[in-house]
């Protein structure tokens, strides 16, 4: 049982580290897109039509990134539920 707990804790730590890394990538990408959008509009706030396609592309990326962020959170939540169920079975 102790070895199983050690293995599980190690695997959980690695998974948590991977998820944190993925979450950080998503946040950096969101920040990059937001900054790019603001930069385009700051250069010439009246040239929205000139940059409409680029701005549209940037806007379309945001839902994908938000969905990825939500998926990571959902995975963590599901793992917590599964772990709780396992401990309930053992205890």
Foldseek 3Di string as FASTA:
>chain_A
DVVVVVVVVVVVVVLVVVLVVLLVVLVVLLVVLVVVLVVVCVVPVVCCVVCVVVNVVSVVVVVVSVVSNVVSVVVVVVVVVVVVVVVVVVD
